[in-house]
Amino acid sequence: MAEYIYKICSVEEWRLAQHHGIFTGSKADVEDGYIHFSSIDLLESTVAKHFANQEGVILEIDPSDLPEIVWEEARGGHLFPHLYSSFDVSIVCDVYQLPADLPSLMLSRG
């Protein structure tokens, strides 16, 4: 299992989650019926595919705090962590700015 998993979202989505104390997902998450996460190995490709040239935040989460995580095959046959419920923002270990912090995050965790 991954050491950490990552949720990429807009600054506004993160602010709303902090205000309410719970993250219920981005618009795409709600449409798909689950919250999308990435492992560190797939984080850069996820950013490139879905968040290129966008500002946002990357939430770092210890997957042991989300026992409901399901690892499912997705893009390119890779396994991605999915959560079919919301999560409490108190489990977020760290918050990185996108795109500014992505290179240092990849160096320290990748």
PDB file of N, CA and C in Angstrom:
ATOM      1  N   MET A   1       0.840  -1.181   0.000  1.00  0.00           N
ATOM      2  CA  MET A   1       0.000   0.000   0.000  1.00  0.00           C
ATOM      3  C   MET A   1       0.884   1.243   0.000  1.00  0.00           C
ATOM      4  N   ALA A   2       0.406   2.311  -0.584  1.00  0.00           N
ATOM      5  CA  ALA A   2       1.150   3.554  -0.688  1.00  0.00           C
ATOM      6  C   ALA A   2       1.380   4.170   0.692  1.00  0.00           C
ATOM      7  N   GLU A   3       2.520   4.851   0.828  1.00  0.00           N
ATOM      8  CA  GLU A   3       2.800   5.555   2.077  1.00  0.00           C
ATOM      9  C   GLU A   3       1.798   6.693   2.271  1.00  0.00           C
ATOM     10  N   TYR A   4       1.578   7.464   1.214  1.00  0.00           N
ATOM     11  CA  TYR A   4       0.572   8.530   1.217  1.00  0.00           C
ATOM     12  C   TYR A   4      -0.221   8.453  -0.074  1.00  0.00           C
ATOM     13  N   ILE A   5      -1.412   9.009  -0.040  1.00  0.00           N
ATOM     14  CA  ILE A   5      -2.186   9.209  -1.256  1.00  0.00           C
ATOM     15  C   ILE A   5      -2.465  10.702  -1.359  1.00  0.00           C
ATOM     16  N   TYR A   6      -2.820  11.135  -2.568  1.00  0.00           N
ATOM     17  CA  TYR A   6      -2.927  12.562  -2.842  1.00  0.00           C
ATOM     18  C   TYR A   6      -4.238  12.896  -3.532  1.00  0.00           C
ATOM     19  N   LYS A   7      -4.856  13.974  -3.067  1.00  0.00           N
ATOM     20  CA  LYS A   7      -6.067  14.504  -3.688  1.00  0.00           C
ATOM     21  C   LYS A   7      -5.739  15.887  -4.226  1.00  0.00           C
ATOM     22  N   ILE A   8      -5.991  16.089  -5.499  1.00  0.00           N
ATOM     23  CA  ILE A   8      -5.776  17.391  -6.121  1.00  0.00           C
ATOM     24  C   ILE A   8      -7.134  18.073  -6.226  1.00  0.00           C
ATOM     25  N   CYS A   9      -7.189  19.318  -5.810  1.00  0.00           N
ATOM     26  CA  CYS A   9      -8.442  20.067  -5.915  1.00  0.00           C
ATOM     27  C   CYS A   9      -8.143  21.550  -6.066  1.00  0.00           C
ATOM     28  N   SER A  10      -9.174  22.306  -6.343  1.00  0.00           N
ATOM     29  CA  SER A  10      -9.009  23.753  -6.464  1.00  0.00           C
ATOM     30  C   SER A  10      -8.853  24.366  -5.076  1.00  0.00           C
ATOM     31  N   VAL A  11      -8.298  25.558  -5.045  1.00  0.00           N
ATOM     32  CA  VAL A  11      -8.163  26.280  -3.782  1.00  0.00           C
ATOM     33  C   VAL A  11      -9.543  26.508  -3.171  1.00  0.00           C
ATOM     34  N   GLU A  12     -10.509  26.861  -3.993  1.00  0.00           N
ATOM     35  CA  GLU A  12     -11.867  27.112  -3.503  1.00  0.00           C
ATOM     36  C   GLU A  12     -12.498  25.842  -2.912  1.00  0.00           C
ATOM     37  N   GLU A  13     -12.304  24.698  -3.561  1.00  0.00           N
ATOM     38  CA  GLU A  13     -12.836  23.433  -3.020  1.00  0.00           C
ATOM     39  C   GLU A  13     -12.222  23.131  -1.656  1.00  0.00           C
ATOM     40  N   TRP A  14     -10.919  23.396  -1.508  1.00  0.00           N
ATOM     41  CA  TRP A  14     -10.243  23.151  -0.246  1.00  0.00           C
ATOM     42  C   TRP A  14     -10.747  24.128   0.826  1.00  0.00           C
ATOM     43  N   ARG A  15     -10.923  25.393   0.456  1.00  0.00           N
ATOM     44  CA  ARG A  15     -11.445  26.377   1.418  1.00  0.00           C
ATOM     45  C   ARG A  15     -12.837  25.982   1.911  1.00  0.00           C
ATOM     46  N   LEU A  16     -13.681  25.547   1.005  1.00  0.00           N
ATOM     47  CA  LEU A  16     -15.027  25.103   1.395  1.00  0.00           C
ATOM     48  C   LEU A  16     -14.959  23.901   2.334  1.00  0.00           C
ATOM     49  N   ALA A  17     -14.088  22.960   2.011  1.00  0.00           N
ATOM     50  CA  ALA A  17     -13.929  21.773   2.859  1.00  0.00           C
ATOM     51  C   ALA A  17     -13.455  22.173   4.251  1.00  0.00           C
ATOM     52  N   GLN A  18     -12.493  23.080   4.316  1.00  0.00           N
ATOM     53  CA  GLN A  18     -12.007  23.536   5.616  1.00  0.00           C
ATOM     54  C   GLN A  18     -13.124  24.227   6.404  1.00  0.00           C
ATOM     55  N   HIS A  19     -13.911  25.019   5.732  1.00  0.00           N
ATOM     56  CA  HIS A  19     -15.016  25.733   6.389  1.00  0.00           C
ATOM     57  C   HIS A  19     -16.030  24.752   6.989  1.00  0.00           C
ATOM     58  N   HIS A  20     -16.341  23.700   6.245  1.00  0.00           N
ATOM     59  CA  HIS A  20     -17.345  22.722   6.688  1.00  0.00           C
ATOM     60  C   HIS A  20     -16.748  21.567   7.497  1.00  0.00           C
ATOM     61  N   GLY A  21     -15.412  21.427   7.438  1.00  0.00           N
ATOM     62  CA  GLY A  21     -14.756  20.354   8.177  1.00  0.00           C
ATOM     63  C   GLY A  21     -14.784  19.014   7.474  1.00  0.00           C
ATOM     64  N   ILE A  22     -15.306  18.994   6.262  1.00  0.00           N
ATOM     65  CA  ILE A  22     -15.436  17.734   5.523  1.00  0.00           C
ATOM     66  C   ILE A  22     -15.231  17.990   4.034  1.00  0.00           C
ATOM     67  N   PHE A  23     -14.541  17.063   3.387  1.00  0.00           N
ATOM     68  CA  PHE A  23     -14.338  17.158   1.940  1.00  0.00           C
ATOM     69  C   PHE A  23     -15.290  16.172   1.281  1.00  0.00           C
ATOM     70  N   THR A  24     -16.180  16.705   0.458  1.00  0.00           N
ATOM     71  CA  THR A  24     -17.182  15.860  -0.195  1.00  0.00           C
ATOM     72  C   THR A  24     -16.852  15.571  -1.651  1.00  0.00           C
ATOM     73  N   GLY A  25     -15.754  16.152  -2.140  1.00  0.00           N
ATOM     74  CA  GLY A  25     -15.333  15.881  -3.509  1.00  0.00           C
ATOM     75  C   GLY A  25     -15.446  17.087  -4.412  1.00  0.00           C
ATOM     76  N   SER A  26     -14.705  17.023  -5.493  1.00  0.00           N
ATOM     77  CA  SER A  26     -14.769  18.050  -6.529  1.00  0.00           C
ATOM     78  C   SER A  26     -15.987  17.780  -7.409  1.00  0.00           C
ATOM     79  N   LYS A  27     -16.226  18.659  -8.355  1.00  0.00           N
ATOM     80  CA  LYS A  27     -17.342  18.454  -9.284  1.00  0.00           C
ATOM     81  C   LYS A  27     -17.187  17.115 -10.010  1.00  0.00           C
ATOM     82  N   ALA A  28     -15.975  16.818 -10.477  1.00  0.00           N
ATOM     83  CA  ALA A  28     -15.725  15.548 -11.180  1.00  0.00           C
ATOM     84  C   ALA A  28     -15.940  14.350 -10.256  1.00  0.00           C
ATOM     85  N   ASP A  29     -15.522  14.476  -8.994  1.00  0.00           N
ATOM     86  CA  ASP A  29     -15.726  13.392  -8.026  1.00  0.00           C
ATOM     87  C   ASP A  29     -17.216  13.109  -7.839  1.00  0.00           C
ATOM     88  N   VAL A  30     -17.974  14.175  -7.656  1.00  0.00           N
ATOM     89  CA  VAL A  30     -19.420  14.029  -7.446  1.00  0.00           C
ATOM     90  C   VAL A  30     -20.063  13.370  -8.666  1.00  0.00           C
ATOM     91  N   GLU A  31     -19.656  13.796  -9.858  1.00  0.00           N
ATOM     92  CA  GLU A  31     -20.203  13.211 -11.088  1.00  0.00           C
ATOM     93  C   GLU A  31     -19.870  11.725 -11.204  1.00  0.00           C
ATOM     94  N   ASP A  32     -18.654  11.344 -10.784  1.00  0.00           N
ATOM     95  CA  ASP A  32     -18.219   9.946 -10.900  1.00  0.00           C
ATOM     96  C   ASP A  32     -18.689   9.072  -9.738  1.00  0.00           C
ATOM     97  N   GLY A  33     -19.116   9.681  -8.647  1.00  0.00           N
ATOM     98  CA  GLY A  33     -19.623   8.922  -7.513  1.00  0.00           C
ATOM     99  C   GLY A  33     -18.563   8.494  -6.514  1.00  0.00           C
ATOM    100  N   TYR A  34     -17.353   8.996  -6.654  1.00  0.00           N
ATOM    101  CA  TYR A  34     -16.287   8.695  -5.701  1.00  0.00           C
ATOM    102  C   TYR A  34     -15.225   9.782  -5.774  1.00  0.00           C
ATOM    103  N   ILE A  35     -14.417   9.880  -4.723  1.00  0.00           N
ATOM    104  CA  ILE A  35     -13.328  10.848  -4.686  1.00  0.00           C
ATOM    105  C   ILE A  35     -12.085  10.191  -5.273  1.00  0.00           C
ATOM    106  N   HIS A  36     -11.514  10.854  -6.262  1.00  0.00           N
ATOM    107  CA  HIS A  36     -10.306  10.386  -6.939  1.00  0.00           C
ATOM    108  C   HIS A  36      -9.068  10.768  -6.126  1.00  0.00           C
ATOM    109  N   PHE A  37      -8.175   9.824  -5.948  1.00  0.00           N
ATOM    110  CA  PHE A  37      -6.870  10.073  -5.346  1.00  0.00           C
ATOM    111  C   PHE A  37      -5.808   9.525  -6.290  1.00  0.00           C
ATOM    112  N   SER A  38      -4.552   9.892  -6.028  1.00  0.00           N
ATOM    113  CA  SER A  38      -3.422   9.338  -6.777  1.00  0.00           C
ATOM    114  C   SER A  38      -2.347   8.899  -5.799  1.00  0.00           C
ATOM    115  N   SER A  39      -1.587   7.901  -6.198  1.00  0.00           N
ATOM    116  CA  SER A  39      -0.376   7.544  -5.460  1.00  0.00           C
ATOM    117  C   SER A  39       0.723   8.493  -5.927  1.00  0.00           C
ATOM    118  N   ILE A  40       1.831   8.530  -5.221  1.00  0.00           N
ATOM    119  CA  ILE A  40       2.935   9.410  -5.611  1.00  0.00           C
ATOM    120  C   ILE A  40       3.457   9.040  -6.996  1.00  0.00           C
ATOM    121  N   ASP A  41       3.444   7.760  -7.332  1.00  0.00           N
ATOM    122  CA  ASP A  41       3.952   7.310  -8.630  1.00  0.00           C
ATOM    123  C   ASP A  41       3.135   7.846  -9.798  1.00  0.00           C
ATOM    124  N   LEU A  42       1.875   8.127  -9.562  1.00  0.00           N
ATOM    125  CA  LEU A  42       0.986   8.574 -10.641  1.00  0.00           C
ATOM    126  C   LEU A  42       0.574  10.036 -10.507  1.00  0.00           C
ATOM    127  N   LEU A  43       1.122  10.718  -9.515  1.00  0.00           N
ATOM    128  CA  LEU A  43       0.716  12.101  -9.263  1.00  0.00           C
ATOM    129  C   LEU A  43       1.068  13.031 -10.422  1.00  0.00           C
ATOM    130  N   GLU A  44       2.295  12.963 -10.910  1.00  0.00           N
ATOM    131  CA  GLU A  44       2.699  13.856 -12.004  1.00  0.00           C
ATOM    132  C   GLU A  44       1.854  13.642 -13.252  1.00  0.00           C
ATOM    133  N   SER A  45       1.593  12.395 -13.603  1.00  0.00           N
ATOM    134  CA  SER A  45       0.790  12.142 -14.803  1.00  0.00           C
ATOM    135  C   SER A  45      -0.660  12.578 -14.596  1.00  0.00           C
ATOM    136  N   THR A  46      -1.163  12.470 -13.370  1.00  0.00           N
ATOM    137  CA  THR A  46      -2.516  12.948 -13.077  1.00  0.00           C
ATOM    138  C   THR A  46      -2.583  14.467 -13.211  1.00  0.00           C
ATOM    139  N   VAL A  47      -1.580  15.152 -12.683  1.00  0.00           N
ATOM    140  CA  VAL A  47      -1.526  16.612 -12.822  1.00  0.00           C
ATOM    141  C   VAL A  47      -1.471  16.991 -14.293  1.00  0.00           C
ATOM    142  N   ALA A  48      -0.604  16.328 -15.053  1.00  0.00           N
ATOM    143  CA  ALA A  48      -0.458  16.648 -16.479  1.00  0.00           C
ATOM    144  C   ALA A  48      -1.751  16.407 -17.249  1.00  0.00           C
ATOM    145  N   LYS A  49      -2.456  15.341 -16.922  1.00  0.00           N
ATOM    146  CA  LYS A  49      -3.671  14.986 -17.664  1.00  0.00           C
ATOM    147  C   LYS A  49      -4.880  15.840 -17.278  1.00  0.00           C
ATOM    148  N   HIS A  50      -5.034  16.123 -15.995  1.00  0.00           N
ATOM    149  CA  HIS A  50      -6.271  16.755 -15.533  1.00  0.00           C
ATOM    150  C   HIS A  50      -6.113  18.173 -14.974  1.00  0.00           C
ATOM    151  N   PHE A  51      -4.880  18.576 -14.664  1.00  0.00           N
ATOM    152  CA  PHE A  51      -4.691  19.866 -13.990  1.00  0.00           C
ATOM    153  C   PHE A  51      -3.586  20.709 -14.613  1.00  0.00           C
ATOM    154  N   ALA A  52      -3.223  20.436 -15.853  1.00  0.00           N
ATOM    155  CA  ALA A  52      -2.159  21.193 -16.521  1.00  0.00           C
ATOM    156  C   ALA A  52      -2.515  22.677 -16.546  1.00  0.00           C
ATOM    157  N   ASN A  53      -1.534  23.496 -16.226  1.00  0.00           N
ATOM    158  CA  ASN A  53      -1.684  24.960 -16.258  1.00  0.00           C
ATOM    159  C   ASN A  53      -2.786  25.471 -15.334  1.00  0.00           C
ATOM    160  N   GLN A  54      -3.055  24.742 -14.269  1.00  0.00           N
ATOM    161  CA  GLN A  54      -4.054  25.176 -13.290  1.00  0.00           C
ATOM    162  C   GLN A  54      -3.391  25.361 -11.932  1.00  0.00           C
ATOM    163  N   GLU A  55      -3.948  26.259 -11.162  1.00  0.00           N
ATOM    164  CA  GLU A  55      -3.525  26.398  -9.779  1.00  0.00           C
ATOM    165  C   GLU A  55      -4.473  25.589  -8.911  1.00  0.00           C
ATOM    166  N   GLY A  56      -3.973  25.115  -7.811  1.00  0.00           N
ATOM    167  CA  GLY A  56      -4.795  24.337  -6.901  1.00  0.00           C
ATOM    168  C   GLY A  56      -3.976  23.903  -5.714  1.00  0.00           C
ATOM    169  N   VAL A  57      -4.450  22.883  -5.036  1.00  0.00           N
ATOM    170  CA  VAL A  57      -3.729  22.319  -3.907  1.00  0.00           C
ATOM    171  C   VAL A  57      -3.673  20.800  -4.050  1.00  0.00           C
ATOM    172  N   ILE A  58      -2.644  20.243  -3.458  1.00  0.00           N
ATOM    173  CA  ILE A  58      -2.481  18.792  -3.392  1.00  0.00           C
ATOM    174  C   ILE A  58      -2.560  18.417  -1.914  1.00  0.00           C
ATOM    175  N   LEU A  59      -3.545  17.627  -1.563  1.00  0.00           N
ATOM    176  CA  LEU A  59      -3.734  17.195  -0.185  1.00  0.00           C
ATOM    177  C   LEU A  59      -3.038  15.857   0.016  1.00  0.00           C
ATOM    178  N   GLU A  60      -2.185  15.784   1.014  1.00  0.00           N
ATOM    179  CA  GLU A  60      -1.465  14.544   1.320  1.00  0.00           C
ATOM    180  C   GLU A  60      -2.176  13.850   2.478  1.00  0.00           C
ATOM    181  N   ILE A  61      -2.505  12.579   2.268  1.00  0.00           N
ATOM    182  CA  ILE A  61      -3.304  11.829   3.239  1.00  0.00           C
ATOM    183  C   ILE A  61      -2.680  10.456   3.475  1.00  0.00           C
ATOM    184  N   ASP A  62      -2.655  10.052   4.722  1.00  0.00           N
ATOM    185  CA  ASP A  62      -2.216   8.706   5.078  1.00  0.00           C
ATOM    186  C   ASP A  62      -3.395   7.765   4.819  1.00  0.00           C
ATOM    187  N   PRO A  63      -3.241   6.803   3.903  1.00  0.00           N
ATOM    188  CA  PRO A  63      -4.377   5.935   3.574  1.00  0.00           C
ATOM    189  C   PRO A  63      -4.881   5.096   4.748  1.00  0.00           C
ATOM    190  N   SER A  64      -4.066   4.922   5.777  1.00  0.00           N
ATOM    191  CA  SER A  64      -4.549   4.168   6.939  1.00  0.00           C
ATOM    192  C   SER A  64      -5.643   4.938   7.687  1.00  0.00           C
ATOM    193  N   ASP A  65      -5.748   6.249   7.425  1.00  0.00           N
ATOM    194  CA  ASP A  65      -6.823   7.050   8.012  1.00  0.00           C
ATOM    195  C   ASP A  65      -8.130   6.912   7.241  1.00  0.00           C
ATOM    196  N   LEU A  66      -8.072   6.231   6.100  1.00  0.00           N
ATOM    197  CA  LEU A  66      -9.258   6.008   5.265  1.00  0.00           C
ATOM    198  C   LEU A  66      -9.373   4.521   4.944  1.00  0.00           C
ATOM    199  N   PRO A  67      -9.790   3.714   5.904  1.00  0.00           N
ATOM    200  CA  PRO A  67      -9.857   2.273   5.652  1.00  0.00           C
ATOM    201  C   PRO A  67     -10.832   1.895   4.541  1.00  0.00           C
ATOM    202  N   GLU A  68     -11.697   2.835   4.151  1.00  0.00           N
ATOM    203  CA  GLU A  68     -12.676   2.555   3.094  1.00  0.00           C
ATOM    204  C   GLU A  68     -12.097   2.722   1.689  1.00  0.00           C
ATOM    205  N   ILE A  69     -10.836   3.112   1.590  1.00  0.00           N
ATOM    206  CA  ILE A  69     -10.211   3.308   0.269  1.00  0.00           C
ATOM    207  C   ILE A  69     -10.259   2.002  -0.517  1.00  0.00           C
ATOM    208  N   VAL A  70     -10.604   2.125  -1.787  1.00  0.00           N
ATOM    209  CA  VAL A  70     -10.629   0.978  -2.700  1.00  0.00           C
ATOM    210  C   VAL A  70      -9.636   1.270  -3.817  1.00  0.00           C
ATOM    211  N   TRP A  71      -8.726   0.341  -4.056  1.00  0.00           N
ATOM    212  CA  TRP A  71      -7.762   0.494  -5.148  1.00  0.00           C
ATOM    213  C   TRP A  71      -8.355  -0.172  -6.379  1.00  0.00           C
ATOM    214  N   GLU A  72      -8.602   0.650  -7.416  1.00  0.00           N
ATOM    215  CA  GLU A  72      -9.267   0.152  -8.615  1.00  0.00           C
ATOM    216  C   GLU A  72      -8.454   0.479  -9.859  1.00  0.00           C
ATOM    217  N   GLU A  73      -8.540  -0.425 -10.813  1.00  0.00           N
ATOM    218  CA  GLU A  73      -7.837  -0.225 -12.075  1.00  0.00           C
ATOM    219  C   GLU A  73      -8.485   0.920 -12.834  1.00  0.00           C
ATOM    220  N   ALA A  74      -7.639   1.785 -13.356  1.00  0.00           N
ATOM    221  CA  ALA A  74      -8.128   2.926 -14.136  1.00  0.00           C
ATOM    222  C   ALA A  74      -7.141   3.175 -15.275  1.00  0.00           C
ATOM    223  N   ARG A  75      -6.903   4.430 -15.559  1.00  0.00           N
ATOM    224  CA  ARG A  75      -6.063   4.853 -16.677  1.00  0.00           C
ATOM    225  C   ARG A  75      -4.811   3.986 -16.835  1.00  0.00           C
ATOM    226  N   GLY A  76      -4.658   3.419 -18.020  1.00  0.00           N
ATOM    227  CA  GLY A  76      -3.460   2.652 -18.343  1.00  0.00           C
ATOM    228  C   GLY A  76      -3.292   1.377 -17.547  1.00  0.00           C
ATOM    229  N   GLY A  77      -4.356   0.889 -16.939  1.00  0.00           N
ATOM    230  CA  GLY A  77      -4.264  -0.333 -16.152  1.00  0.00           C
ATOM    231  C   GLY A  77      -3.664  -0.130 -14.771  1.00  0.00           C
ATOM    232  N   HIS A  78      -3.384   1.116 -14.394  1.00  0.00           N
ATOM    233  CA  HIS A  78      -2.813   1.411 -13.082  1.00  0.00           C
ATOM    234  C   HIS A  78      -3.898   1.377 -12.015  1.00  0.00           C
ATOM    235  N   LEU A  79      -3.481   1.063 -10.802  1.00  0.00           N
ATOM    236  CA  LEU A  79      -4.403   1.075  -9.669  1.00  0.00           C
ATOM    237  C   LEU A  79      -4.432   2.464  -9.041  1.00  0.00           C
ATOM    238  N   PHE A  80      -5.638   2.985  -8.871  1.00  0.00           N
ATOM    239  CA  PHE A  80      -5.834   4.288  -8.250  1.00  0.00           C
ATOM    240  C   PHE A  80      -6.705   4.125  -7.015  1.00  0.00           C
ATOM    241  N   PRO A  81      -6.411   4.889  -5.956  1.00  0.00           N
ATOM    242  CA  PRO A  81      -7.252   4.849  -4.762  1.00  0.00           C
ATOM    243  C   PRO A  81      -8.514   5.684  -4.959  1.00  0.00           C
ATOM    244  N   HIS A  82      -9.650   5.102  -4.638  1.00  0.00           N
ATOM    245  CA  HIS A  82     -10.949   5.768  -4.739  1.00  0.00           C
ATOM    246  C   HIS A  82     -11.657   5.671  -3.395  1.00  0.00           C
ATOM    247  N   LEU A  83     -12.400   6.717  -3.073  1.00  0.00           N
ATOM    248  CA  LEU A  83     -13.161   6.753  -1.828  1.00  0.00           C
ATOM    249  C   LEU A  83     -14.615   7.045  -2.164  1.00  0.00           C
ATOM    250  N   TYR A  84     -15.496   6.159  -1.765  1.00  0.00           N
ATOM    251  CA  TYR A  84     -16.921   6.284  -2.072  1.00  0.00           C
ATOM    252  C   TYR A  84     -17.691   6.989  -0.958  1.00  0.00           C
ATOM    253  N   SER A  85     -17.027   7.898  -0.284  1.00  0.00           N
ATOM    254  CA  SER A  85     -17.657   8.713   0.758  1.00  0.00           C
ATOM    255  C   SER A  85     -16.832   9.986   0.926  1.00  0.00           C
ATOM    256  N   SER A  86     -17.265  10.851   1.807  1.00  0.00           N
ATOM    257  CA  SER A  86     -16.514  12.065   2.109  1.00  0.00           C
ATOM    258  C   SER A  86     -15.448  11.744   3.162  1.00  0.00           C
ATOM    259  N   PHE A  87     -14.598  12.719   3.459  1.00  0.00           N
ATOM    260  CA  PHE A  87     -13.629  12.524   4.535  1.00  0.00           C
ATOM    261  C   PHE A  87     -13.469  13.809   5.340  1.00  0.00           C
ATOM    262  N   ASP A  88     -13.107  13.622   6.606  1.00  0.00           N
ATOM    263  CA  ASP A  88     -12.889  14.735   7.520  1.00  0.00           C
ATOM    264  C   ASP A  88     -11.559  15.409   7.175  1.00  0.00           C
ATOM    265  N   VAL A  89     -11.544  16.729   7.117  1.00  0.00           N
ATOM    266  CA  VAL A  89     -10.321  17.439   6.723  1.00  0.00           C
ATOM    267  C   VAL A  89      -9.200  17.281   7.749  1.00  0.00           C
ATOM    268  N   SER A  90      -9.521  16.861   8.954  1.00  0.00           N
ATOM    269  CA  SER A  90      -8.490  16.700   9.986  1.00  0.00           C
ATOM    270  C   SER A  90      -7.489  15.600   9.644  1.00  0.00           C
ATOM    271  N   ILE A  91      -7.819  14.723   8.706  1.00  0.00           N
ATOM    272  CA  ILE A  91      -6.881  13.649   8.352  1.00  0.00           C
ATOM    273  C   ILE A  91      -5.839  14.094   7.329  1.00  0.00           C
ATOM    274  N   VAL A  92      -5.964  15.298   6.792  1.00  0.00           N
ATOM    275  CA  VAL A  92      -4.993  15.786   5.807  1.00  0.00           C
ATOM    276  C   VAL A  92      -3.672  16.052   6.518  1.00  0.00           C
ATOM    277  N   CYS A  93      -2.610  15.366   6.075  1.00  0.00           N
ATOM    278  CA  CYS A  93      -1.290  15.476   6.699  1.00  0.00           C
ATOM    279  C   CYS A  93      -0.557  16.743   6.282  1.00  0.00           C
ATOM    280  N   ASP A  94      -0.706  17.118   5.015  1.00  0.00           N
ATOM    281  CA  ASP A  94      -0.010  18.291   4.494  1.00  0.00           C
ATOM    282  C   ASP A  94      -0.754  18.798   3.274  1.00  0.00           C
ATOM    283  N   VAL A  95      -0.525  20.067   2.964  1.00  0.00           N
ATOM    284  CA  VAL A  95      -1.147  20.702   1.804  1.00  0.00           C
ATOM    285  C   VAL A  95      -0.045  21.363   0.992  1.00  0.00           C
ATOM    286  N   TYR A  96       0.015  21.032  -0.290  1.00  0.00           N
ATOM    287  CA  TYR A  96       1.007  21.593  -1.200  1.00  0.00           C
ATOM    288  C   TYR A  96       0.302  22.445  -2.245  1.00  0.00           C
ATOM    289  N   GLN A  97       0.971  23.509  -2.664  1.00  0.00           N
ATOM    290  CA  GLN A  97       0.416  24.381  -3.698  1.00  0.00           C
ATOM    291  C   GLN A  97       0.750  23.820  -5.074  1.00  0.00           C
ATOM    292  N   LEU A  98      -0.230  23.850  -5.940  1.00  0.00           N
ATOM    293  CA  LEU A  98      -0.048  23.391  -7.321  1.00  0.00           C
ATOM    294  C   LEU A  98      -0.068  24.624  -8.218  1.00  0.00           C
ATOM    295  N   PRO A  99       0.887  24.800  -9.081  1.00  0.00           N
ATOM    296  CA  PRO A  99       1.977  23.904  -9.451  1.00  0.00           C
ATOM    297  C   PRO A  99       3.272  24.115  -8.676  1.00  0.00           C
ATOM    298  N   ALA A 100       3.360  25.175  -7.857  1.00  0.00           N
ATOM    299  CA  ALA A 100       4.631  25.582  -7.261  1.00  0.00           C
ATOM    300  C   ALA A 100       5.342  24.489  -6.475  1.00  0.00           C
ATOM    301  N   ASP A 101       4.624  23.714  -5.676  1.00  0.00           N
ATOM    302  CA  ASP A 101       5.250  22.736  -4.786  1.00  0.00           C
ATOM    303  C   ASP A 101       5.421  21.345  -5.394  1.00  0.00           C
ATOM    304  N   LEU A 102       4.908  21.131  -6.596  1.00  0.00           N
ATOM    305  CA  LEU A 102       4.963  19.783  -7.180  1.00  0.00           C
ATOM    306  C   LEU A 102       6.392  19.260  -7.327  1.00  0.00           C
ATOM    307  N   PRO A 103       7.343  20.048  -7.849  1.00  0.00           N
ATOM    308  CA  PRO A 103       8.708  19.502  -7.984  1.00  0.00           C
ATOM    309  C   PRO A 103       9.328  19.076  -6.657  1.00  0.00           C
ATOM    310  N   SER A 104       9.181  19.889  -5.610  1.00  0.00           N
ATOM    311  CA  SER A 104       9.781  19.513  -4.324  1.00  0.00           C
ATOM    312  C   SER A 104       9.059  18.329  -3.696  1.00  0.00           C
ATOM    313  N   LEU A 105       7.752  18.246  -3.883  1.00  0.00           N
ATOM    314  CA  LEU A 105       7.000  17.088  -3.390  1.00  0.00           C
ATOM    315  C   LEU A 105       7.495  15.814  -4.064  1.00  0.00           C
ATOM    316  N   MET A 106       7.685  15.870  -5.359  1.00  0.00           N
ATOM    317  CA  MET A 106       8.145  14.690  -6.094  1.00  0.00           C
ATOM    318  C   MET A 106       9.549  14.289  -5.652  1.00  0.00           C
ATOM    319  N   LEU A 107      10.400  15.260  -5.373  1.00  0.00           N
ATOM    320  CA  LEU A 107      11.756  14.948  -4.910  1.00  0.00           C
ATOM    321  C   LEU A 107      11.747  14.320  -3.522  1.00  0.00           C
ATOM    322  N   SER A 108      10.887  14.814  -2.646  1.00  0.00           N
ATOM    323  CA  SER A 108      10.892  14.318  -1.273  1.00  0.00           C
ATOM    324  C   SER A 108      10.132  13.006  -1.102  1.00  0.00           C
ATOM    325  N   ARG A 109       9.125  12.768  -1.942  1.00  0.00           N
ATOM    326  CA  ARG A 109       8.282  11.586  -1.767  1.00  0.00           C
ATOM    327  C   ARG A 109       8.404  10.573  -2.899  1.00  0.00           C
ATOM    328  N   GLY A 110       8.771  11.055  -4.080  1.00  0.00           N
ATOM    329  CA  GLY A 110       8.769  10.194  -5.264  1.00  0.00           C
ATOM    330  C   GLY A 110       9.956   9.310  -5.407  1.00  0.00           C
TER     331      GLY A 110
END
